Every structure is written in C-alpha cells, then in structure tokens.
Amino acid sequence: MTYEDYWYGDVMMVRAYYNADILRRKRINEELWLQGAYFCKALDSTVGNMFRQKGSQMAEYPSKPLELDYGMEEDDEAREAREEQEALYAEAYMNNMVFFGQKWGSKGV
C-alpha cells in the first residue's frame, strides 16, 4: 500500500490490504507445510528404508501428489460469527444511510 493510498485513499482499502496480507501469509504457511510433508515422505522412503527391520514393508515416495483439503466447508461457529458480523455491518450502513437521508437537502449536508 502506497503512502498516497493510505492517507488519501478509501479507508476500506486498509482493511482490504490487511486481509490480503493475512491470506498471503496463510497461503505461504500452507505451502511450507506441504513442502515439509513431502520432505518427510522423502526421508521416510530413503533413510527410513535403510534402518527398517527385516520383514517390515518398505516405504515408498508417493507416485502422485498428496490430496489437499481446501477447507471450503465452514464450521457452524465460524459461519454464524461471519453472518453476525455481516449483519452488524449492514445495520451500521443502513443507519448511516437513514441519518444522511433525513438531512438530505438541508444546508448542513
């Protein structure tokens, strides 16, 4: 976010940049976690096989990518909290619209 955007831009841009940064950090964290999962599989299939006991099954590196859970299903508590927050935003917005609508046409606005 530039200096001009912060001081002279829309105030909601700050929240948008903040939320975008949170999503970016979450994505990087998940990518690094996935990289660690692949690294663990690689170590298990190489070093783990060197130290395995006789007769135990050998570990193999996955032949296809791991299945990812994208977390699209939202749990009930998170959904209710999000809906409650959206309702509060909508109520505040409508209260402002009514307030400014009552003063519309007067010299004060």
C-alpha atoms as a PDB file:
ATOM      1  CA  MET A   1       0.000   0.000   0.000  1.00  0.00           C
ATOM      2  CA  THR A   2       1.449   3.329  -1.001  1.00  0.00           C
ATOM      3  CA  TYR A   3       1.621   6.447   1.133  1.00  0.00           C
ATOM      4  CA  GLU A   4      -1.000   8.190  -1.005  1.00  0.00           C
ATOM      5  CA  ASP A   5      -3.362   5.209  -0.848  1.00  0.00           C
ATOM      6  CA  TYR A   6      -3.069   5.081   2.933  1.00  0.00           C
ATOM      7  CA  TRP A   7      -3.598   8.762   3.646  1.00  0.00           C
ATOM      8  CA  TYR A   8      -5.748   9.905   0.739  1.00  0.00           C
ATOM      9  CA  GLY A   9      -7.440   6.730  -0.494  1.00  0.00           C
ATOM     10  CA  ASP A  10     -10.555   4.911   0.578  1.00  0.00           C
ATOM     11  CA  VAL A  11     -10.460   3.921   4.252  1.00  0.00           C
ATOM     12  CA  MET A  12     -11.669   0.411   3.423  1.00  0.00           C
ATOM     13  CA  MET A  13      -8.517  -0.154   1.363  1.00  0.00           C
ATOM     14  CA  VAL A  14      -6.531  -0.519   4.586  1.00  0.00           C
ATOM     15  CA  ARG A  15      -8.747  -3.401   5.704  1.00  0.00           C
ATOM     16  CA  ALA A  16      -8.559  -4.935   2.225  1.00  0.00           C
ATOM     17  CA  TYR A  17      -4.749  -4.785   2.248  1.00  0.00           C
ATOM     18  CA  TYR A  18      -4.701  -6.200   5.777  1.00  0.00           C
ATOM     19  CA  ASN A  19      -6.982  -9.100   4.824  1.00  0.00           C
ATOM     20  CA  ALA A  20      -4.954  -9.731   1.660  1.00  0.00           C
ATOM     21  CA  ASP A  21      -1.773  -9.889   3.755  1.00  0.00           C
ATOM     22  CA  ILE A  22      -3.376 -12.394   6.138  1.00  0.00           C
ATOM     23  CA  LEU A  23      -4.425 -14.575   3.194  1.00  0.00           C
ATOM     24  CA  ARG A  24      -0.950 -14.291   1.645  1.00  0.00           C
ATOM     25  CA  ARG A  25       0.719 -15.350   4.884  1.00  0.00           C
ATOM     26  CA  LYS A  26      -1.732 -18.230   5.321  1.00  0.00           C
ATOM     27  CA  ARG A  27      -1.010 -19.448   1.795  1.00  0.00           C
ATOM     28  CA  ILE A  28       2.758 -19.277   2.318  1.00  0.00           C
ATOM     29  CA  ASN A  29       2.386 -21.149   5.607  1.00  0.00           C
ATOM     30  CA  GLU A  30       0.337 -23.896   3.933  1.00  0.00           C
ATOM     31  CA  GLU A  31       2.833 -24.158   1.049  1.00  0.00           C
ATOM     32  CA  LEU A  32       5.690 -24.562   3.514  1.00  0.00           C
ATOM     33  CA  TRP A  33       3.713 -27.160   5.462  1.00  0.00           C
ATOM     34  CA  LEU A  34       3.093 -29.109   2.243  1.00  0.00           C
ATOM     35  CA  GLN A  35       6.792 -28.889   1.387  1.00  0.00           C
ATOM     36  CA  GLY A  36       7.562 -30.322   4.837  1.00  0.00           C
ATOM     37  CA  ALA A  37       5.092 -33.161   4.259  1.00  0.00           C
ATOM     38  CA  TYR A  38       6.844 -34.073   1.005  1.00  0.00           C
ATOM     39  CA  PHE A  39      10.238 -33.813   2.694  1.00  0.00           C
ATOM     40  CA  CYS A  40       9.043 -36.152   5.453  1.00  0.00           C
ATOM     41  CA  LYS A  41       7.829 -38.663   2.835  1.00  0.00           C
ATOM     42  CA  ALA A  42      11.181 -38.429   1.037  1.00  0.00           C
ATOM     43  CA  LEU A  43      13.134 -39.046   4.256  1.00  0.00           C
ATOM     44  CA  ASP A  44      10.892 -41.949   5.184  1.00  0.00           C
ATOM     45  CA  SER A  45      11.315 -43.554   1.765  1.00  0.00           C
ATOM     46  CA  THR A  46      15.128 -43.204   1.801  1.00  0.00           C
ATOM     47  CA  VAL A  47      16.619 -43.041   5.270  1.00  0.00           C
ATOM     48  CA  GLY A  48      13.682 -44.855   6.857  1.00  0.00           C
ATOM     49  CA  ASN A  49      14.147 -47.779   4.470  1.00  0.00           C
ATOM     50  CA  MET A  50      17.849 -48.000   5.374  1.00  0.00           C
ATOM     51  CA  PHE A  51      17.005 -48.518   9.046  1.00  0.00           C
ATOM     52  CA  ARG A  52      13.883 -50.646   8.667  1.00  0.00           C
ATOM     53  CA  GLN A  53      13.683 -54.012  10.367  1.00  0.00           C
ATOM     54  CA  LYS A  54      13.856 -57.199   8.348  1.00  0.00           C
ATOM     55  CA  GLY A  55      10.441 -58.266   7.128  1.00  0.00           C
ATOM     56  CA  SER A  56       8.784 -54.849   7.503  1.00  0.00           C
ATOM     57  CA  GLN A  57       7.261 -53.210   4.470  1.00  0.00           C
ATOM     58  CA  MET A  58       9.374 -50.647   2.626  1.00  0.00           C
ATOM     59  CA  ALA A  59       8.088 -47.108   2.483  1.00  0.00           C
ATOM     60  CA  GLU A  60       7.666 -45.607  -0.979  1.00  0.00           C
ATOM     61  CA  TYR A  61       7.579 -41.994  -2.085  1.00  0.00           C
ATOM     62  CA  PRO A  62       4.074 -41.107  -3.334  1.00  0.00           C
ATOM     63  CA  SER A  63       3.630 -41.664  -7.075  1.00  0.00           C
ATOM     64  CA  LYS A  64       1.067 -38.843  -7.306  1.00  0.00           C
ATOM     65  CA  PRO A  65       0.561 -35.555  -5.435  1.00  0.00           C
ATOM     66  CA  LEU A  66      -0.995 -35.612  -1.989  1.00  0.00           C
ATOM     67  CA  GLU A  67      -4.724 -34.905  -1.814  1.00  0.00           C
ATOM     68  CA  LEU A  68      -5.330 -31.456  -0.392  1.00  0.00           C
ATOM     69  CA  ASP A  69      -8.247 -30.378   1.773  1.00  0.00           C
ATOM     70  CA  TYR A  70      -9.012 -26.828   0.725  1.00  0.00           C
ATOM     71  CA  GLY A  71     -11.185 -26.153   3.768  1.00  0.00           C
ATOM     72  CA  MET A  72     -14.142 -24.969   1.737  1.00  0.00           C
ATOM     73  CA  GLU A  73     -16.580 -26.310   4.312  1.00  0.00           C
ATOM     74  CA  GLU A  74     -17.015 -23.752   7.054  1.00  0.00           C
ATOM     75  CA  ASP A  75     -17.851 -24.993  10.547  1.00  0.00           C
ATOM     76  CA  ASP A  76     -21.082 -23.797  12.139  1.00  0.00           C
ATOM     77  CA  GLU A  77     -19.462 -21.463  14.682  1.00  0.00           C
ATOM     78  CA  ALA A  78     -17.355 -19.690  12.061  1.00  0.00           C
ATOM     79  CA  ARG A  79     -20.336 -19.344   9.733  1.00  0.00           C
ATOM     80  CA  GLU A  80     -22.550 -17.920  12.493  1.00  0.00           C
ATOM     81  CA  ALA A  81     -19.838 -15.465  13.565  1.00  0.00           C
ATOM     82  CA  ARG A  82     -19.333 -14.337   9.954  1.00  0.00           C
ATOM     83  CA  GLU A  83     -23.084 -13.902   9.419  1.00  0.00           C
ATOM     84  CA  GLU A  84     -23.404 -11.941  12.671  1.00  0.00           C
ATOM     85  CA  GLN A  85     -20.513  -9.648  11.657  1.00  0.00           C
ATOM     86  CA  GLU A  86     -22.062  -9.078   8.224  1.00  0.00           C
ATOM     87  CA  ALA A  87     -25.420  -8.262   9.849  1.00  0.00           C
ATOM     88  CA  LEU A  88     -23.754  -5.678  12.113  1.00  0.00           C
ATOM     89  CA  TYR A  89     -22.007  -4.070   9.120  1.00  0.00           C
ATOM     90  CA  ALA A  90     -25.284  -3.966   7.183  1.00  0.00           C
ATOM     91  CA  GLU A  91     -27.140  -2.433  10.134  1.00  0.00           C
ATOM     92  CA  ALA A  92     -24.470   0.253  10.618  1.00  0.00           C
ATOM     93  CA  TYR A  93     -24.529   1.036   6.889  1.00  0.00           C
ATOM     94  CA  MET A  94     -28.310   1.345   6.829  1.00  0.00           C
ATOM     95  CA  ASN A  95     -28.290   3.548   9.955  1.00  0.00           C
ATOM     96  CA  ASN A  96     -25.858   5.904   8.208  1.00  0.00           C
ATOM     97  CA  MET A  97     -27.981   5.940   5.067  1.00  0.00           C
ATOM     98  CA  VAL A  98     -31.120   6.800   7.085  1.00  0.00           C
ATOM     99  CA  PHE A  99     -29.269   9.502   9.024  1.00  0.00           C
ATOM    100  CA  PHE A 100     -27.914  11.178   5.889  1.00  0.00           C
ATOM    101  CA  GLY A 101     -31.219  10.658   4.084  1.00  0.00           C
ATOM    102  CA  GLN A 102     -33.064  12.671   6.755  1.00  0.00           C
ATOM    103  CA  LYS A 103     -30.645  15.579   6.311  1.00  0.00           C
ATOM    104  CA  TRP A 104     -30.659  15.444   2.519  1.00  0.00           C
ATOM    105  CA  GLY A 105     -31.451  18.804   1.017  1.00  0.00           C
ATOM    106  CA  SER A 106     -30.673  20.813   4.144  1.00  0.00           C
ATOM    107  CA  LYS A 107     -27.787  23.285   4.151  1.00  0.00           C
ATOM    108  CA  GLY A 108     -25.800  21.143   6.626  1.00  0.00           C
ATOM    109  CA  VAL A 109     -25.156  18.376   4.115  1.00  0.00           C
END
